[in-house]
Structures are given as structure tokens and as C-alpha cells.
Amino acid sequence: MQHWNEIRTALIVARAGTVQAAAAQIGVHRATVHRHIDLLEATLGTKLFIRSAKGYVLTEDGHAILEVAHKADQMFLNLEGNVKKRQAVYSGDLILSIFHGFGGLLMPSIRVMNEKHPNVRIQVISSEKMSRLEYGEAHIAFRLGAKPDVLDYVVKPFLKLSFGLYASTEYIAEHGQPHQSSLMNHRFVGPPADGTKRPYLDWLRQQTTPDQFVLTSESRVCLHQAIVSGVGLGFMAGFEAAQYQNLVEIVPALPQTAIQIWSVTHVDLHRTAKVQEFLAILKAKTS
């Protein structure tokens, strides 16, 4: 706002009653206060104060103008207070829990949250263990598979994760281009048959025999490294495969190999400002 400094100076003079008191309150020299008043009166084309040995008294025009300035000053003070309250609300820790290896799905939303609310410290728990929200182990947890049915949980769909069958260009150069109709002639890597249930495991077992598996592991990281290195064909989530330039999609993602991811909050924390803000950012980034 043009001349706002001068208007605020005039407002303080009117409240303080003298130039000296106003200068002390603002922390400037009396000459600066005089200059602000002179400039403002010249700009408005009217006298704001009647000057006397006892101090400065507002003229009729001064009363009218500074009444508006007082309202504007109060609005700015209210705005400042609201901003400080928002900063206090959007602060502290925000703990997110997600299945090991899937943290990358949250990073675009985390970046936006960091930019909007730098006072919020985000912690990501990435493990095979499910965080217990009722014990305060996380503000928001992301669960894969069946919809959680705990009574005190607020559960919303986050996104559906699709898995495709991939081979590296090194594997194709050595063993030829795989086709869905001739997978029996190729090598595979994957989880052990008695290991953690994966959404693509049933389809994979129907299309292959146990002796085609040259490597098995419960570690998704190990399996991904094996696929990228050309050890064998294997399933990867689409967002993970996109990170590697040498991977070729052999079988596109099938409906039966997809898995739903849910965002889960405890009812006691669901309505807190920072949880609602992050959930809104998640929705905006995935819609």
C-alpha cells in the first residue's frame, strides 16, 4: 500500500499525542516523523494535525482519514495473528508409515507439504511391520491389500498399484525376446512359494514351473536388482520399473496383479490440521 509507512506514523502520533513520544515508539528520529507527516499532508492536500506546544491534535480531516487507517491497521494485526496461529498449527512431527520399498509414492506429496509448511518435520517409517495407530506410532499409515476394518480407523483409498512382468535389455540380448505365449523357455526371479503373499504370485505360478526360478528372495530390492541385472524375468510395480531405462515390459499390468493401497488414520488424529492438509495434498497429487 502506497504511503502506508507515513499513514502508520500519523496513526502513532495521533495515539501518542506528541512527535517525540511517537518517534520513541517507532524507534526513529523526530525528523523522520515530521517528514512522514509533511509528506502525507502534502499527498492528501489537507492538514491532519493542529500543532501546539502541548502536542498534536487531529483536525476533522485527520479524524476521518486516520479512522480508516486504524481499521486497516487492526486488519493487518488480525492477519498477522492468524498467520502465526496457522504456523503454530502446521508444525511439529508428521509421521507416515508405509510398506518397505513404497516410500517413493509419497515423495511428490511430501515435497509439496515441505514447501507449504516448512515447520512440519516429516518422518517416514518404511518397514514390513504395520504401525499401530492406536498407540501413536504414526499419524498416517498406508496399508496394502484388503481394506483395514479396525473400528477406530478412518480408511480411504490412496491408489491402486499395478505390477507388470519385465526383462532387462541384457537378458533379452542373451536369451531372446520373451513373449507371454512362450514363457516356459525363460528364467525367472521371484518370491519363494511359501513367502509373503504377492498380488502377482498366483498368476506367475500358473505360467511357470518351479525349476524356471533361478533366484528367489523375500527382498524386493534384491529381486529388482536381479531383474535389472538380467538374471531373469520378474514382476515390478510400474512406478519402480519406470526408474530403469534398460527394462522392457513383457506382460502389461493385469487386473489380477493389481493391489489397492489405503491411507489409514486413527479417528482421534484424523481431523488434526496437519493430517488433513497432507491428505488433501495426497488427493490432489493422485487425482
C-alpha atoms as a PDB file:
ATOM      1  CA  MET A   1       0.000   0.000   0.000  1.00  0.00           C
ATOM      2  CA  GLN A   2       1.424   3.368  -1.064  1.00  0.00           C
ATOM      3  CA  HIS A   3       2.405   5.682   1.831  1.00  0.00           C
ATOM      4  CA  TRP A   4       1.469   3.033   4.422  1.00  0.00           C
ATOM      5  CA  ASN A   5       4.577   3.869   6.477  1.00  0.00           C
ATOM      6  CA  GLU A   6       3.567   7.508   6.590  1.00  0.00           C
ATOM      7  CA  ILE A   7      -0.040   6.605   7.469  1.00  0.00           C
ATOM      8  CA  ARG A   8       1.098   4.379  10.333  1.00  0.00           C
ATOM      9  CA  THR A   9       3.396   7.116  11.579  1.00  0.00           C
ATOM     10  CA  ALA A  10       0.466   9.575  11.621  1.00  0.00           C
ATOM     11  CA  LEU A  11      -1.644   6.986  13.429  1.00  0.00           C
ATOM     12  CA  ILE A  12       1.009   6.540  16.112  1.00  0.00           C
ATOM     13  CA  VAL A  13       1.379  10.315  16.501  1.00  0.00           C
ATOM     14  CA  ALA A  14      -2.385  10.610  16.998  1.00  0.00           C
ATOM     15  CA  ARG A  15      -2.287   7.897  19.651  1.00  0.00           C
ATOM     16  CA  ALA A  16       0.889   9.133  21.380  1.00  0.00           C
ATOM     17  CA  GLY A  17      -0.043  12.815  21.268  1.00  0.00           C
ATOM     18  CA  THR A  18       3.473  14.137  20.572  1.00  0.00           C
ATOM     19  CA  VAL A  19       6.120  13.681  17.892  1.00  0.00           C
ATOM     20  CA  GLN A  20       8.741  12.804  20.487  1.00  0.00           C
ATOM     21  CA  ALA A  21       6.639  10.012  22.003  1.00  0.00           C
ATOM     22  CA  ALA A  22       5.793   8.668  18.543  1.00  0.00           C
ATOM     23  CA  ALA A  23       9.450   8.707  17.458  1.00  0.00           C
ATOM     24  CA  ALA A  24      10.432   6.774  20.604  1.00  0.00           C
ATOM     25  CA  GLN A  25       7.715   4.193  19.976  1.00  0.00           C
ATOM     26  CA  ILE A  26       8.681   3.672  16.353  1.00  0.00           C
ATOM     27  CA  GLY A  27      12.412   3.838  17.046  1.00  0.00           C
ATOM     28  CA  VAL A  28      13.260   6.681  14.640  1.00  0.00           C
ATOM     29  CA  HIS A  29      14.415  10.302  14.908  1.00  0.00           C
ATOM     30  CA  ARG A  30      11.820  13.061  15.382  1.00  0.00           C
ATOM     31  CA  ALA A  31      12.838  14.486  11.999  1.00  0.00           C
ATOM     32  CA  THR A  32      11.641  11.263  10.324  1.00  0.00           C
ATOM     33  CA  VAL A  33       8.247  11.594  11.999  1.00  0.00           C
ATOM     34  CA  HIS A  34       7.973  15.234  10.867  1.00  0.00           C
ATOM     35  CA  ARG A  35       8.928  14.222   7.319  1.00  0.00           C
ATOM     36  CA  HIS A  36       6.284  11.454   7.221  1.00  0.00           C
ATOM     37  CA  ILE A  37       3.547  13.813   8.440  1.00  0.00           C
ATOM     38  CA  ASP A  38       4.538  16.563   5.978  1.00  0.00           C
ATOM     39  CA  LEU A  39       4.615  14.106   3.045  1.00  0.00           C
ATOM     40  CA  LEU A  40       1.244  12.598   3.946  1.00  0.00           C
ATOM     41  CA  GLU A  41      -0.417  16.011   4.328  1.00  0.00           C
ATOM     42  CA  ALA A  42       1.065  17.157   1.020  1.00  0.00           C
ATOM     43  CA  THR A  43      -0.150  13.993  -0.720  1.00  0.00           C
ATOM     44  CA  LEU A  44      -3.681  14.258   0.711  1.00  0.00           C
ATOM     45  CA  GLY A  45      -3.851  18.045   0.304  1.00  0.00           C
ATOM     46  CA  THR A  46      -5.106  18.681   3.826  1.00  0.00           C
ATOM     47  CA  LYS A  47      -3.846  19.220   7.354  1.00  0.00           C
ATOM     48  CA  LEU A  48      -4.114  16.188   9.636  1.00  0.00           C
ATOM     49  CA  PHE A  49      -2.971  17.811  12.871  1.00  0.00           C
ATOM     50  CA  ILE A  50      -3.237  21.087  14.739  1.00  0.00           C
ATOM     51  CA  ARG A  51       0.245  21.668  16.112  1.00  0.00           C
ATOM     52  CA  SER A  52       0.705  23.272  19.525  1.00  0.00           C
ATOM     53  CA  ALA A  53       3.227  23.413  22.351  1.00  0.00           C
ATOM     54  CA  LYS A  54       1.241  20.703  24.131  1.00  0.00           C
ATOM     55  CA  GLY A  55       1.309  18.311  21.208  1.00  0.00           C
ATOM     56  CA  TYR A  56      -0.506  17.262  18.038  1.00  0.00           C
ATOM     57  CA  VAL A  57      -4.325  17.245  17.883  1.00  0.00           C
ATOM     58  CA  LEU A  58      -6.220  15.753  14.961  1.00  0.00           C
ATOM     59  CA  THR A  59      -8.163  18.002  12.610  1.00  0.00           C
ATOM     60  CA  GLU A  60     -11.591  16.975  11.337  1.00  0.00           C
ATOM     61  CA  ASP A  61      -9.997  15.600   8.151  1.00  0.00           C
ATOM     62  CA  GLY A  62      -7.336  13.912  10.254  1.00  0.00           C
ATOM     63  CA  HIS A  63     -10.012  12.138  12.309  1.00  0.00           C
ATOM     64  CA  ALA A  64     -11.755  10.864   9.165  1.00  0.00           C
ATOM     65  CA  ILE A  65      -8.578   9.668   7.444  1.00  0.00           C
ATOM     66  CA  LEU A  66      -6.978   8.063  10.479  1.00  0.00           C
ATOM     67  CA  GLU A  67     -10.192   6.289  11.424  1.00  0.00           C
ATOM     68  CA  VAL A  68      -9.846   4.360   8.168  1.00  0.00           C
ATOM     69  CA  ALA A  69      -6.133   3.855   8.859  1.00  0.00           C
ATOM     70  CA  HIS A  70      -6.970   2.484  12.314  1.00  0.00           C
ATOM     71  CA  LYS A  71      -9.310  -0.107  10.783  1.00  0.00           C
ATOM     72  CA  ALA A  72      -6.651  -1.108   8.242  1.00  0.00           C
ATOM     73  CA  ASP A  73      -4.035  -1.371  10.979  1.00  0.00           C
ATOM     74  CA  GLN A  74      -6.348  -3.622  13.002  1.00  0.00           C
ATOM     75  CA  MET A  75      -6.919  -5.828   9.958  1.00  0.00           C
ATOM     76  CA  PHE A  76      -3.168  -6.246   9.489  1.00  0.00           C
ATOM     77  CA  LEU A  77      -2.765  -7.126  13.172  1.00  0.00           C
ATOM     78  CA  ASN A  78      -5.527  -9.720  12.893  1.00  0.00           C
ATOM     79  CA  LEU A  79      -3.939 -11.130   9.747  1.00  0.00           C
ATOM     80  CA  GLU A  80      -0.562 -11.371  11.469  1.00  0.00           C
ATOM     81  CA  GLY A  81      -2.177 -13.185  14.399  1.00  0.00           C
ATOM     82  CA  ASN A  82      -3.939 -15.648  12.106  1.00  0.00           C
ATOM     83  CA  VAL A  83      -0.726 -16.370  10.209  1.00  0.00           C
ATOM     84  CA  LYS A  84       1.109 -17.061  13.457  1.00  0.00           C
ATOM     85  CA  LYS A  85      -1.694 -19.371  14.576  1.00  0.00           C
ATOM     86  CA  ARG A  86      -1.523 -21.281  11.274  1.00  0.00           C
ATOM     87  CA  GLN A  87       2.235 -21.603  11.595  1.00  0.00           C
ATOM     88  CA  ALA A  88       1.783 -22.983  15.083  1.00  0.00           C
ATOM     89  CA  VAL A  89      -0.830 -25.481  13.841  1.00  0.00           C
ATOM     90  CA  TYR A  90       1.334 -26.644  10.942  1.00  0.00           C
ATOM     91  CA  SER A  91       4.393 -27.525  12.981  1.00  0.00           C
ATOM     92  CA  GLY A  92       5.916 -30.456  14.810  1.00  0.00           C
ATOM     93  CA  ASP A  93       6.219 -34.017  13.569  1.00  0.00           C
ATOM     94  CA  LEU A  94       4.125 -35.756  10.931  1.00  0.00           C
ATOM     95  CA  ILE A  95       4.843 -39.491  10.979  1.00  0.00           C
ATOM     96  CA  LEU A  96       3.990 -41.537   7.900  1.00  0.00           C
ATOM     97  CA  SER A  97       4.170 -45.329   7.775  1.00  0.00           C
ATOM     98  CA  ILE A  98       4.336 -47.293   4.528  1.00  0.00           C
ATOM     99  CA  PHE A  99       5.330 -50.788   3.464  1.00  0.00           C
ATOM    100  CA  HIS A 100       9.064 -51.128   2.829  1.00  0.00           C
ATOM    101  CA  GLY A 101      10.068 -50.002  -0.654  1.00  0.00           C
ATOM    102  CA  PHE A 102       6.963 -47.955  -1.442  1.00  0.00           C
ATOM    103  CA  GLY A 103       8.069 -44.655   0.121  1.00  0.00           C
ATOM    104  CA  GLY A 104       8.690 -43.206  -3.330  1.00  0.00           C
ATOM    105  CA  LEU A 105       4.929 -42.999  -3.869  1.00  0.00           C
ATOM    106  CA  LEU A 106       4.723 -40.364  -1.144  1.00  0.00           C
ATOM    107  CA  MET A 107       7.633 -38.146  -2.195  1.00  0.00           C
ATOM    108  CA  PRO A 108       5.731 -35.778  -4.554  1.00  0.00           C
ATOM    109  CA  SER A 109       3.223 -35.052  -1.770  1.00  0.00           C
ATOM    110  CA  ILE A 110       5.962 -34.733   0.849  1.00  0.00           C
ATOM    111  CA  ARG A 111       7.754 -32.165  -1.325  1.00  0.00           C
ATOM    112  CA  VAL A 112       4.575 -30.057  -1.564  1.00  0.00           C
ATOM    113  CA  MET A 113       3.984 -30.344   2.191  1.00  0.00           C
ATOM    114  CA  ASN A 114       7.557 -29.225   2.887  1.00  0.00           C
ATOM    115  CA  GLU A 115       7.208 -26.220   0.603  1.00  0.00           C
ATOM    116  CA  LYS A 116       3.878 -25.113   2.095  1.00  0.00           C
ATOM    117  CA  HIS A 117       4.666 -25.864   5.740  1.00  0.00           C
ATOM    118  CA  PRO A 118       8.421 -25.859   6.412  1.00  0.00           C
ATOM    119  CA  ASN A 119       7.838 -26.091  10.164  1.00  0.00           C
ATOM    120  CA  VAL A 120       6.408 -29.591   9.799  1.00  0.00           C
ATOM    121  CA  ARG A 121       9.066 -32.296  10.235  1.00  0.00           C
ATOM    122  CA  ILE A 122       8.103 -35.388   8.229  1.00  0.00           C
ATOM    123  CA  GLN A 123       9.269 -38.823   9.321  1.00  0.00           C
ATOM    124  CA  VAL A 124       8.704 -41.848   7.087  1.00  0.00           C
ATOM    125  CA  ILE A 125       8.662 -45.283   8.694  1.00  0.00           C
ATOM    126  CA  SER A 126       9.375 -47.831   5.973  1.00  0.00           C
ATOM    127  CA  SER A 127       9.225 -51.434   7.132  1.00  0.00           C
ATOM    128  CA  GLU A 128       7.378 -54.716   6.802  1.00  0.00           C
ATOM    129  CA  LYS A 129       5.777 -54.099  10.216  1.00  0.00           C
ATOM    130  CA  MET A 130       2.428 -52.312  10.386  1.00  0.00           C
ATOM    131  CA  SER A 131       2.467 -49.262  12.638  1.00  0.00           C
ATOM    132  CA  ARG A 132      -0.167 -49.310  15.371  1.00  0.00           C
ATOM    133  CA  LEU A 133      -2.061 -46.057  15.048  1.00  0.00           C
ATOM    134  CA  GLU A 134      -3.918 -46.559  18.322  1.00  0.00           C
ATOM    135  CA  TYR A 135      -0.543 -46.354  20.107  1.00  0.00           C
ATOM    136  CA  GLY A 136       0.504 -43.187  18.300  1.00  0.00           C
ATOM    137  CA  GLU A 137       3.202 -44.908  16.221  1.00  0.00           C
ATOM    138  CA  ALA A 138       2.158 -42.930  13.110  1.00  0.00           C
ATOM    139  CA  HIS A 139      -0.214 -40.155  12.092  1.00  0.00           C
ATOM    140  CA  ILE A 140      -0.988 -41.728   8.708  1.00  0.00           C
ATOM    141  CA  ALA A 141      -0.313 -45.327   7.675  1.00  0.00           C
ATOM    142  CA  PHE A 142      -0.519 -46.780   4.189  1.00  0.00           C
ATOM    143  CA  ARG A 143      -1.727 -50.368   4.006  1.00  0.00           C
ATOM    144  CA  LEU A 144      -1.661 -52.717   1.048  1.00  0.00           C
ATOM    145  CA  GLY A 145      -4.281 -55.317   0.131  1.00  0.00           C
ATOM    146  CA  ALA A 146      -7.568 -55.854   1.934  1.00  0.00           C
ATOM    147  CA  LYS A 147      -9.282 -52.800   3.416  1.00  0.00           C
ATOM    148  CA  PRO A 148      -8.439 -52.474   7.135  1.00  0.00           C
ATOM    149  CA  ASP A 149     -11.556 -52.957   9.259  1.00  0.00           C
ATOM    150  CA  VAL A 150     -10.414 -51.672  12.671  1.00  0.00           C
ATOM    151  CA  LEU A 151     -13.309 -49.787  14.264  1.00  0.00           C
ATOM    152  CA  ASP A 152     -11.342 -46.630  15.214  1.00  0.00           C
ATOM    153  CA  TYR A 153      -9.569 -46.313  11.845  1.00  0.00           C
ATOM    154  CA  VAL A 154     -10.575 -43.867   9.115  1.00  0.00           C
ATOM    155  CA  VAL A 155      -9.724 -45.642   5.857  1.00  0.00           C
ATOM    156  CA  LYS A 156      -9.593 -44.034   2.405  1.00  0.00           C
ATOM    157  CA  PRO A 157      -8.355 -45.422  -0.949  1.00  0.00           C
ATOM    158  CA  PHE A 158      -4.966 -43.928  -1.859  1.00  0.00           C
ATOM    159  CA  LEU A 159      -4.137 -45.524  -5.191  1.00  0.00           C
ATOM    160  CA  LYS A 160      -4.155 -48.864  -6.971  1.00  0.00           C
ATOM    161  CA  LEU A 161      -0.695 -50.243  -7.620  1.00  0.00           C
ATOM    162  CA  SER A 162      -0.166 -52.229 -10.826  1.00  0.00           C
ATOM    163  CA  PHE A 163       2.560 -54.811 -11.462  1.00  0.00           C
ATOM    164  CA  GLY A 164       3.945 -55.886 -14.827  1.00  0.00           C
ATOM    165  CA  LEU A 165       6.410 -58.540 -15.929  1.00  0.00           C
ATOM    166  CA  TYR A 166       9.756 -57.050 -17.008  1.00  0.00           C
ATOM    167  CA  ALA A 167      13.035 -58.155 -18.548  1.00  0.00           C
ATOM    168  CA  SER A 168      16.244 -56.189 -18.988  1.00  0.00           C
ATOM    169  CA  THR A 169      17.733 -55.479 -22.397  1.00  0.00           C
ATOM    170  CA  GLU A 170      20.771 -57.529 -21.276  1.00  0.00           C
ATOM    171  CA  TYR A 171      18.572 -60.547 -20.622  1.00  0.00           C
ATOM    172  CA  ILE A 172      16.816 -60.133 -23.983  1.00  0.00           C
ATOM    173  CA  ALA A 173      20.163 -59.874 -25.818  1.00  0.00           C
ATOM    174  CA  GLU A 174      21.302 -63.154 -24.266  1.00  0.00           C
ATOM    175  CA  HIS A 175      18.061 -65.179 -24.177  1.00  0.00           C
ATOM    176  CA  GLY A 176      15.848 -63.609 -26.823  1.00  0.00           C
ATOM    177  CA  GLN A 177      12.647 -61.604 -26.652  1.00  0.00           C
ATOM    178  CA  PRO A 178      10.186 -63.215 -24.226  1.00  0.00           C
ATOM    179  CA  HIS A 179       6.524 -63.455 -25.191  1.00  0.00           C
ATOM    180  CA  GLN A 180       3.591 -64.194 -22.942  1.00  0.00           C
ATOM    181  CA  SER A 181       2.787 -67.268 -25.035  1.00  0.00           C
ATOM    182  CA  SER A 182       6.285 -68.769 -24.620  1.00  0.00           C
ATOM    183  CA  LEU A 183       7.352 -68.034 -21.041  1.00  0.00           C
ATOM    184  CA  MET A 184       8.205 -71.673 -20.401  1.00  0.00           C
ATOM    185  CA  ASN A 185      11.516 -71.121 -22.223  1.00  0.00           C
ATOM    186  CA  HIS A 186      12.738 -68.370 -19.899  1.00  0.00           C
ATOM    187  CA  ARG A 187      14.292 -67.812 -16.484  1.00  0.00           C
ATOM    188  CA  PHE A 188      12.535 -66.080 -13.617  1.00  0.00           C
ATOM    189  CA  VAL A 189      13.217 -64.396 -10.309  1.00  0.00           C
ATOM    190  CA  GLY A 190      10.578 -64.009  -7.628  1.00  0.00           C
ATOM    191  CA  PRO A 191       9.487 -64.538  -4.032  1.00  0.00           C
ATOM    192  CA  PRO A 192       9.593 -68.052  -2.537  1.00  0.00           C
ATOM    193  CA  ALA A 193       6.377 -70.042  -2.851  1.00  0.00           C
ATOM    194  CA  ASP A 194       5.930 -70.122   0.935  1.00  0.00           C
ATOM    195  CA  GLY A 195       6.864 -66.476   1.453  1.00  0.00           C
ATOM    196  CA  THR A 196       4.882 -63.273   1.775  1.00  0.00           C
ATOM    197  CA  LYS A 197       1.821 -63.233  -0.441  1.00  0.00           C
ATOM    198  CA  ARG A 198       2.307 -61.029  -3.524  1.00  0.00           C
ATOM    199  CA  PRO A 199      -0.573 -59.996  -5.823  1.00  0.00           C
ATOM    200  CA  TYR A 200       1.104 -61.431  -8.914  1.00  0.00           C
ATOM    201  CA  LEU A 201       2.259 -64.716  -7.364  1.00  0.00           C
ATOM    202  CA  ASP A 202      -0.746 -66.841  -8.360  1.00  0.00           C
ATOM    203  CA  TRP A 203      -0.532 -65.720 -11.990  1.00  0.00           C
ATOM    204  CA  LEU A 204       3.213 -66.284 -12.054  1.00  0.00           C
ATOM    205  CA  ARG A 205       2.961 -69.817 -10.650  1.00  0.00           C
ATOM    206  CA  GLN A 206       0.299 -70.693 -13.231  1.00  0.00           C
ATOM    207  CA  GLN A 207       2.548 -69.585 -16.096  1.00  0.00           C
ATOM    208  CA  THR A 208       5.827 -71.159 -14.930  1.00  0.00           C
ATOM    209  CA  THR A 209       7.331 -74.234 -13.269  1.00  0.00           C
ATOM    210  CA  PRO A 210       9.449 -74.185 -10.079  1.00  0.00           C
ATOM    211  CA  ASP A 211      12.633 -75.150 -11.922  1.00  0.00           C
ATOM    212  CA  GLN A 212      12.433 -71.938 -14.021  1.00  0.00           C
ATOM    213  CA  PHE A 213      13.208 -69.860 -10.945  1.00  0.00           C
ATOM    214  CA  VAL A 214      16.935 -69.243 -10.860  1.00  0.00           C
ATOM    215  CA  LEU A 215      16.644 -66.907  -7.866  1.00  0.00           C
ATOM    216  CA  THR A 216      14.090 -66.469  -5.092  1.00  0.00           C
ATOM    217  CA  SER A 217      14.111 -63.880  -2.331  1.00  0.00           C
ATOM    218  CA  GLU A 218      11.751 -62.173   0.092  1.00  0.00           C
ATOM    219  CA  SER A 219      13.642 -58.920  -0.532  1.00  0.00           C
ATOM    220  CA  ARG A 220      12.003 -56.714  -3.157  1.00  0.00           C
ATOM    221  CA  VAL A 221      15.251 -54.773  -3.502  1.00  0.00           C
ATOM    222  CA  CYS A 222      17.161 -57.972  -4.264  1.00  0.00           C
ATOM    223  CA  LEU A 223      14.576 -59.088  -6.821  1.00  0.00           C
ATOM    224  CA  HIS A 224      14.637 -55.699  -8.528  1.00  0.00           C
ATOM    225  CA  GLN A 225      18.419 -55.800  -8.755  1.00  0.00           C
ATOM    226  CA  ALA A 226      18.206 -59.271 -10.242  1.00  0.00           C
ATOM    227  CA  ILE A 227      15.705 -58.183 -12.909  1.00  0.00           C
ATOM    228  CA  VAL A 228      17.702 -55.075 -13.820  1.00  0.00           C
ATOM    229  CA  SER A 229      20.953 -57.105 -13.954  1.00  0.00           C
ATOM    230  CA  GLY A 230      19.478 -59.622 -16.396  1.00  0.00           C
ATOM    231  CA  VAL A 231      19.333 -62.637 -14.054  1.00  0.00           C
ATOM    232  CA  GLY A 232      15.757 -63.363 -15.085  1.00  0.00           C
ATOM    233  CA  LEU A 233      12.275 -62.031 -15.717  1.00  0.00           C
ATOM    234  CA  GLY A 234      10.285 -60.719 -12.779  1.00  0.00           C
ATOM    235  CA  PHE A 235       7.415 -58.551 -11.650  1.00  0.00           C
ATOM    236  CA  MET A 236       7.814 -54.937 -10.646  1.00  0.00           C
ATOM    237  CA  ALA A 237       5.411 -52.105  -9.904  1.00  0.00           C
ATOM    238  CA  GLY A 238       5.069 -49.724 -12.816  1.00  0.00           C
ATOM    239  CA  PHE A 239       6.400 -46.696 -10.884  1.00  0.00           C
ATOM    240  CA  GLU A 240       9.501 -48.706  -9.917  1.00  0.00           C
ATOM    241  CA  ALA A 241      10.195 -50.061 -13.398  1.00  0.00           C
ATOM    242  CA  ALA A 242       9.998 -46.527 -14.810  1.00  0.00           C
ATOM    243  CA  GLN A 243      13.179 -45.688 -12.899  1.00  0.00           C
ATOM    244  CA  TYR A 244      15.270 -48.033 -15.073  1.00  0.00           C
ATOM    245  CA  GLN A 245      15.972 -47.327 -18.726  1.00  0.00           C
ATOM    246  CA  ASN A 246      17.027 -50.885 -19.561  1.00  0.00           C
ATOM    247  CA  LEU A 247      13.741 -52.601 -18.646  1.00  0.00           C
ATOM    248  CA  VAL A 248      11.263 -53.859 -21.225  1.00  0.00           C
ATOM    249  CA  GLU A 249       7.651 -54.646 -20.313  1.00  0.00           C
ATOM    250  CA  ILE A 250       6.908 -58.233 -21.327  1.00  0.00           C
ATOM    251  CA  VAL A 251       3.412 -58.610 -19.862  1.00  0.00           C
ATOM    252  CA  PRO A 252       1.464 -55.415 -19.104  1.00  0.00           C
ATOM    253  CA  ALA A 253      -0.150 -54.965 -15.720  1.00  0.00           C
ATOM    254  CA  LEU A 254      -3.122 -57.285 -15.336  1.00  0.00           C
ATOM    255  CA  PRO A 255      -6.199 -56.629 -13.139  1.00  0.00           C
ATOM    256  CA  GLN A 256      -5.419 -59.699 -11.039  1.00  0.00           C
ATOM    257  CA  THR A 257      -1.899 -58.451 -10.321  1.00  0.00           C
ATOM    258  CA  ALA A 258      -3.034 -55.038  -9.010  1.00  0.00           C
ATOM    259  CA  ILE A 259      -3.197 -54.178  -5.328  1.00  0.00           C
ATOM    260  CA  GLN A 260      -5.051 -51.406  -3.530  1.00  0.00           C
ATOM    261  CA  ILE A 261      -3.203 -49.070  -1.166  1.00  0.00           C
ATOM    262  CA  TRP A 262      -5.227 -47.431   1.611  1.00  0.00           C
ATOM    263  CA  SER A 263      -4.472 -44.341   3.674  1.00  0.00           C
ATOM    264  CA  VAL A 264      -5.345 -45.028   7.293  1.00  0.00           C
ATOM    265  CA  THR A 265      -5.652 -42.594  10.192  1.00  0.00           C
ATOM    266  CA  HIS A 266      -6.882 -43.006  13.742  1.00  0.00           C
ATOM    267  CA  VAL A 267     -10.188 -41.278  14.420  1.00  0.00           C
ATOM    268  CA  ASP A 268      -8.589 -39.214  17.228  1.00  0.00           C
ATOM    269  CA  LEU A 269      -5.983 -37.713  14.858  1.00  0.00           C
ATOM    270  CA  HIS A 270      -7.911 -37.671  11.590  1.00  0.00           C
ATOM    271  CA  ARG A 271      -9.246 -34.108  11.981  1.00  0.00           C
ATOM    272  CA  THR A 272      -5.976 -32.503  13.061  1.00  0.00           C
ATOM    273  CA  ALA A 273      -4.840 -29.743  10.714  1.00  0.00           C
ATOM    274  CA  LYS A 274      -1.547 -31.225   9.513  1.00  0.00           C
ATOM    275  CA  VAL A 275      -3.092 -34.656   8.885  1.00  0.00           C
ATOM    276  CA  GLN A 276      -5.959 -33.120   6.904  1.00  0.00           C
ATOM    277  CA  GLU A 277      -3.512 -30.948   4.964  1.00  0.00           C
ATOM    278  CA  PHE A 278      -1.321 -33.879   3.956  1.00  0.00           C
ATOM    279  CA  LEU A 279      -4.349 -35.999   2.990  1.00  0.00           C
ATOM    280  CA  ALA A 280      -5.605 -33.130   0.825  1.00  0.00           C
ATOM    281  CA  ILE A 281      -2.207 -32.871  -0.874  1.00  0.00           C
ATOM    282  CA  LEU A 282      -2.184 -36.636  -1.472  1.00  0.00           C
ATOM    283  CA  LYS A 283      -5.619 -36.460  -3.080  1.00  0.00           C
ATOM    284  CA  ALA A 284      -4.599 -33.555  -5.309  1.00  0.00           C
ATOM    285  CA  LYS A 285      -1.421 -35.340  -6.467  1.00  0.00           C
ATOM    286  CA  THR A 286      -3.182 -38.624  -7.315  1.00  0.00           C
ATOM    287  CA  SER A 287      -6.496 -37.389  -8.741  1.00  0.00           C
END
